[in-house]
N, C-alpha and C. Protein backbone atom coordinates (compact mmCIF):
# COMPACT_ATOMS: atom_id res chain seq x y z
N MET A 1 -17.08 89.47 -59.88
CA MET A 1 -15.70 89.07 -59.68
C MET A 1 -14.74 90.15 -60.18
N GLY A 2 -13.95 90.69 -59.32
CA GLY A 2 -13.04 91.78 -59.70
C GLY A 2 -11.70 91.30 -60.18
N VAL A 3 -11.03 92.16 -60.82
CA VAL A 3 -9.65 91.87 -61.24
C VAL A 3 -8.67 92.20 -60.12
N ASP A 4 -7.78 91.26 -59.93
CA ASP A 4 -6.73 91.48 -58.90
C ASP A 4 -5.61 92.38 -59.51
N VAL A 5 -5.82 93.66 -59.34
CA VAL A 5 -4.89 94.59 -59.97
C VAL A 5 -3.47 94.40 -59.45
N GLN A 6 -3.30 94.23 -58.17
CA GLN A 6 -1.98 94.06 -57.61
C GLN A 6 -1.33 92.76 -58.16
N GLY A 7 -2.08 91.74 -58.33
CA GLY A 7 -1.54 90.46 -58.89
C GLY A 7 -1.16 90.67 -60.29
N VAL A 8 -1.92 91.41 -61.05
CA VAL A 8 -1.61 91.70 -62.51
C VAL A 8 -0.29 92.50 -62.63
N ARG A 9 -0.30 93.51 -61.78
CA ARG A 9 0.96 94.39 -61.67
C ARG A 9 2.18 93.60 -61.30
N ALA A 10 2.07 92.73 -60.29
CA ALA A 10 3.19 91.93 -59.89
C ALA A 10 3.68 91.00 -60.93
N LYS A 11 2.74 90.38 -61.71
CA LYS A 11 3.12 89.47 -62.78
C LYS A 11 3.78 90.25 -63.91
N LEU A 12 3.21 91.48 -64.26
CA LEU A 12 3.84 92.32 -65.27
C LEU A 12 5.21 92.73 -64.86
N ASP A 13 5.40 93.11 -63.66
CA ASP A 13 6.73 93.46 -63.14
C ASP A 13 7.75 92.34 -63.20
N TRP A 14 7.28 91.16 -62.90
CA TRP A 14 8.11 89.91 -63.01
C TRP A 14 8.47 89.72 -64.45
N PHE A 15 7.56 89.78 -65.37
CA PHE A 15 7.84 89.56 -66.80
C PHE A 15 8.84 90.63 -67.31
N LYS A 16 8.70 91.88 -66.88
CA LYS A 16 9.60 92.91 -67.37
C LYS A 16 11.03 92.73 -66.75
N THR A 17 11.12 92.25 -65.55
CA THR A 17 12.42 92.19 -64.91
C THR A 17 13.14 90.80 -65.02
N VAL A 18 12.29 89.71 -65.09
CA VAL A 18 12.94 88.36 -65.10
C VAL A 18 13.01 87.81 -66.54
N ILE A 19 12.00 88.11 -67.32
CA ILE A 19 11.90 87.46 -68.63
C ILE A 19 12.33 88.36 -69.80
N LEU A 20 11.85 89.56 -69.96
CA LEU A 20 12.16 90.40 -71.10
C LEU A 20 13.66 90.76 -71.29
N PRO A 21 14.41 90.87 -70.20
CA PRO A 21 15.92 91.17 -70.44
C PRO A 21 16.60 90.03 -71.29
N HIS A 22 15.98 88.91 -71.36
CA HIS A 22 16.64 87.80 -72.07
C HIS A 22 16.06 87.58 -73.50
N GLU A 23 15.26 88.54 -73.92
CA GLU A 23 14.67 88.35 -75.25
C GLU A 23 15.71 88.26 -76.43
N ALA A 24 16.72 89.10 -76.35
CA ALA A 24 17.77 89.08 -77.38
C ALA A 24 18.54 87.73 -77.41
N ALA A 25 18.83 87.21 -76.20
CA ALA A 25 19.49 85.90 -76.11
C ALA A 25 18.58 84.83 -76.57
N LEU A 26 17.33 84.86 -76.35
CA LEU A 26 16.41 83.97 -76.83
C LEU A 26 16.37 83.96 -78.31
N ARG A 27 16.34 85.16 -78.90
CA ARG A 27 16.27 85.31 -80.37
C ARG A 27 17.55 84.69 -81.00
N GLY A 28 18.70 84.92 -80.38
CA GLY A 28 19.92 84.31 -80.93
C GLY A 28 19.97 82.84 -80.81
N ARG A 29 19.48 82.24 -79.67
CA ARG A 29 19.35 80.83 -79.52
C ARG A 29 18.44 80.22 -80.55
N LEU A 30 17.29 80.86 -80.78
CA LEU A 30 16.34 80.26 -81.74
C LEU A 30 16.89 80.38 -83.17
N ARG A 31 17.62 81.45 -83.43
CA ARG A 31 18.21 81.57 -84.75
C ARG A 31 19.16 80.34 -85.08
N ARG A 32 19.85 79.87 -84.02
CA ARG A 32 20.68 78.76 -84.19
C ARG A 32 20.00 77.40 -84.28
N ILE A 33 18.92 77.26 -83.48
CA ILE A 33 18.32 75.88 -83.36
C ILE A 33 17.10 75.69 -84.22
N LEU A 34 16.48 76.71 -84.74
CA LEU A 34 15.37 76.48 -85.56
C LEU A 34 15.69 75.92 -86.93
N PRO A 35 14.86 74.96 -87.30
CA PRO A 35 15.11 74.33 -88.63
C PRO A 35 14.78 75.40 -89.73
N THR A 36 15.44 75.26 -90.80
CA THR A 36 15.21 76.17 -92.01
C THR A 36 13.65 76.19 -92.34
N GLY A 37 13.22 77.38 -92.58
CA GLY A 37 11.85 77.55 -92.98
C GLY A 37 10.94 77.98 -91.88
N HIS A 38 11.41 77.96 -90.60
CA HIS A 38 10.58 78.39 -89.53
C HIS A 38 10.78 79.90 -89.27
N GLU A 39 9.67 80.52 -88.95
CA GLU A 39 9.65 81.95 -88.75
C GLU A 39 10.14 82.29 -87.32
N LEU A 40 11.31 82.98 -87.27
CA LEU A 40 11.96 83.33 -86.07
C LEU A 40 11.07 84.19 -85.13
N GLU A 41 10.48 85.25 -85.73
CA GLU A 41 9.69 86.14 -84.92
C GLU A 41 8.46 85.48 -84.34
N ASP A 42 7.82 84.60 -85.12
CA ASP A 42 6.68 83.86 -84.59
C ASP A 42 7.01 82.99 -83.44
N MET A 43 8.17 82.35 -83.48
CA MET A 43 8.59 81.47 -82.43
C MET A 43 9.01 82.26 -81.18
N VAL A 44 9.65 83.43 -81.32
CA VAL A 44 9.94 84.28 -80.21
C VAL A 44 8.69 84.74 -79.53
N ALA A 45 7.68 85.16 -80.33
CA ALA A 45 6.40 85.59 -79.73
C ALA A 45 5.75 84.42 -79.00
N GLU A 46 5.76 83.25 -79.51
CA GLU A 46 5.18 82.07 -78.91
C GLU A 46 5.83 81.77 -77.56
N VAL A 47 7.18 81.80 -77.52
CA VAL A 47 7.93 81.50 -76.31
C VAL A 47 7.57 82.56 -75.27
N LEU A 48 7.57 83.86 -75.56
CA LEU A 48 7.24 84.88 -74.65
C LEU A 48 5.84 84.77 -74.12
N THR A 49 4.92 84.44 -75.01
CA THR A 49 3.53 84.27 -74.66
C THR A 49 3.37 83.18 -73.66
N ARG A 50 4.04 82.05 -73.90
CA ARG A 50 3.95 80.92 -72.99
C ARG A 50 4.56 81.25 -71.65
N ALA A 51 5.63 81.94 -71.68
CA ALA A 51 6.28 82.39 -70.43
C ALA A 51 5.38 83.22 -69.64
N TYR A 52 4.72 84.24 -70.27
CA TYR A 52 3.80 85.05 -69.48
C TYR A 52 2.54 84.29 -69.05
N ALA A 53 2.13 83.29 -69.76
CA ALA A 53 0.87 82.55 -69.41
C ALA A 53 1.12 81.54 -68.30
N THR A 54 2.35 81.32 -67.87
CA THR A 54 2.55 80.33 -66.81
C THR A 54 1.87 80.72 -65.53
N GLU A 55 1.32 79.72 -64.90
CA GLU A 55 0.55 79.93 -63.64
C GLU A 55 1.48 80.00 -62.46
N ASN A 56 2.60 79.34 -62.50
CA ASN A 56 3.59 79.34 -61.43
C ASN A 56 4.72 80.31 -61.59
N TRP A 57 4.34 81.52 -62.09
CA TRP A 57 5.44 82.49 -62.43
C TRP A 57 6.28 82.93 -61.23
N THR A 58 5.71 82.83 -60.04
CA THR A 58 6.52 83.26 -58.85
C THR A 58 7.68 82.30 -58.59
N ASN A 59 7.64 81.13 -59.09
CA ASN A 59 8.71 80.11 -58.90
C ASN A 59 9.84 80.29 -59.92
N VAL A 60 9.56 81.09 -60.99
CA VAL A 60 10.57 81.31 -62.06
C VAL A 60 11.47 82.46 -61.68
N THR A 61 12.73 82.15 -61.37
CA THR A 61 13.66 83.24 -60.96
C THR A 61 14.77 83.35 -61.99
N THR A 62 14.96 82.38 -62.83
CA THR A 62 16.04 82.40 -63.86
C THR A 62 15.31 82.44 -65.22
N GLY A 63 15.09 83.72 -65.68
CA GLY A 63 14.31 83.86 -66.90
C GLY A 63 14.99 83.25 -68.11
N ARG A 64 16.31 83.41 -68.21
CA ARG A 64 17.01 82.94 -69.40
C ARG A 64 16.84 81.43 -69.56
N ALA A 65 17.02 80.70 -68.49
CA ALA A 65 16.91 79.26 -68.53
C ALA A 65 15.47 78.82 -68.81
N TYR A 66 14.52 79.56 -68.23
CA TYR A 66 13.10 79.27 -68.49
C TYR A 66 12.71 79.46 -69.89
N LEU A 67 13.10 80.61 -70.48
CA LEU A 67 12.85 80.86 -71.89
C LEU A 67 13.48 79.86 -72.84
N PHE A 68 14.76 79.44 -72.52
CA PHE A 68 15.41 78.51 -73.40
C PHE A 68 14.78 77.10 -73.31
N THR A 69 14.27 76.74 -72.11
CA THR A 69 13.54 75.45 -71.97
C THR A 69 12.28 75.49 -72.74
N ILE A 70 11.53 76.56 -72.71
CA ILE A 70 10.31 76.68 -73.44
C ILE A 70 10.60 76.55 -74.95
N ALA A 71 11.62 77.30 -75.37
CA ALA A 71 12.03 77.33 -76.77
C ALA A 71 12.40 75.83 -77.28
N ARG A 72 13.25 75.22 -76.47
CA ARG A 72 13.70 73.91 -76.84
C ARG A 72 12.53 72.92 -76.92
N ASN A 73 11.57 73.00 -76.06
CA ASN A 73 10.42 72.14 -75.97
C ASN A 73 9.53 72.44 -77.26
N LEU A 74 9.39 73.65 -77.58
CA LEU A 74 8.59 74.03 -78.77
C LEU A 74 9.22 73.52 -80.09
N VAL A 75 10.55 73.63 -80.16
CA VAL A 75 11.24 73.11 -81.31
C VAL A 75 11.09 71.64 -81.43
N ILE A 76 11.22 70.91 -80.27
CA ILE A 76 11.08 69.46 -80.26
C ILE A 76 9.65 69.10 -80.68
N ASP A 77 8.66 69.79 -80.07
CA ASP A 77 7.25 69.47 -80.43
C ASP A 77 6.96 69.65 -81.96
N ASP A 78 7.64 70.75 -82.41
CA ASP A 78 7.42 71.07 -83.89
C ASP A 78 8.02 70.00 -84.88
N ALA A 79 9.02 69.31 -84.34
CA ALA A 79 9.77 68.41 -85.26
C ALA A 79 9.01 67.17 -85.61
């Protein structure tokens, strides 16, 4: 079973153009909504990891909203 190099490249390009430009905004939002004592950088890393791991990445066109939704759900799950 071979690796789909074009698929990997396409997903990486999507991540770099649709998701990563919103990392600073995500960090700012998490800084405001995270309860005291939570590690900001760990949560940012978790949100970005989950965004990259999504199987339906081709359907995600609004990276900012997608990241904020993941972040909100993680904060709720953590509470």
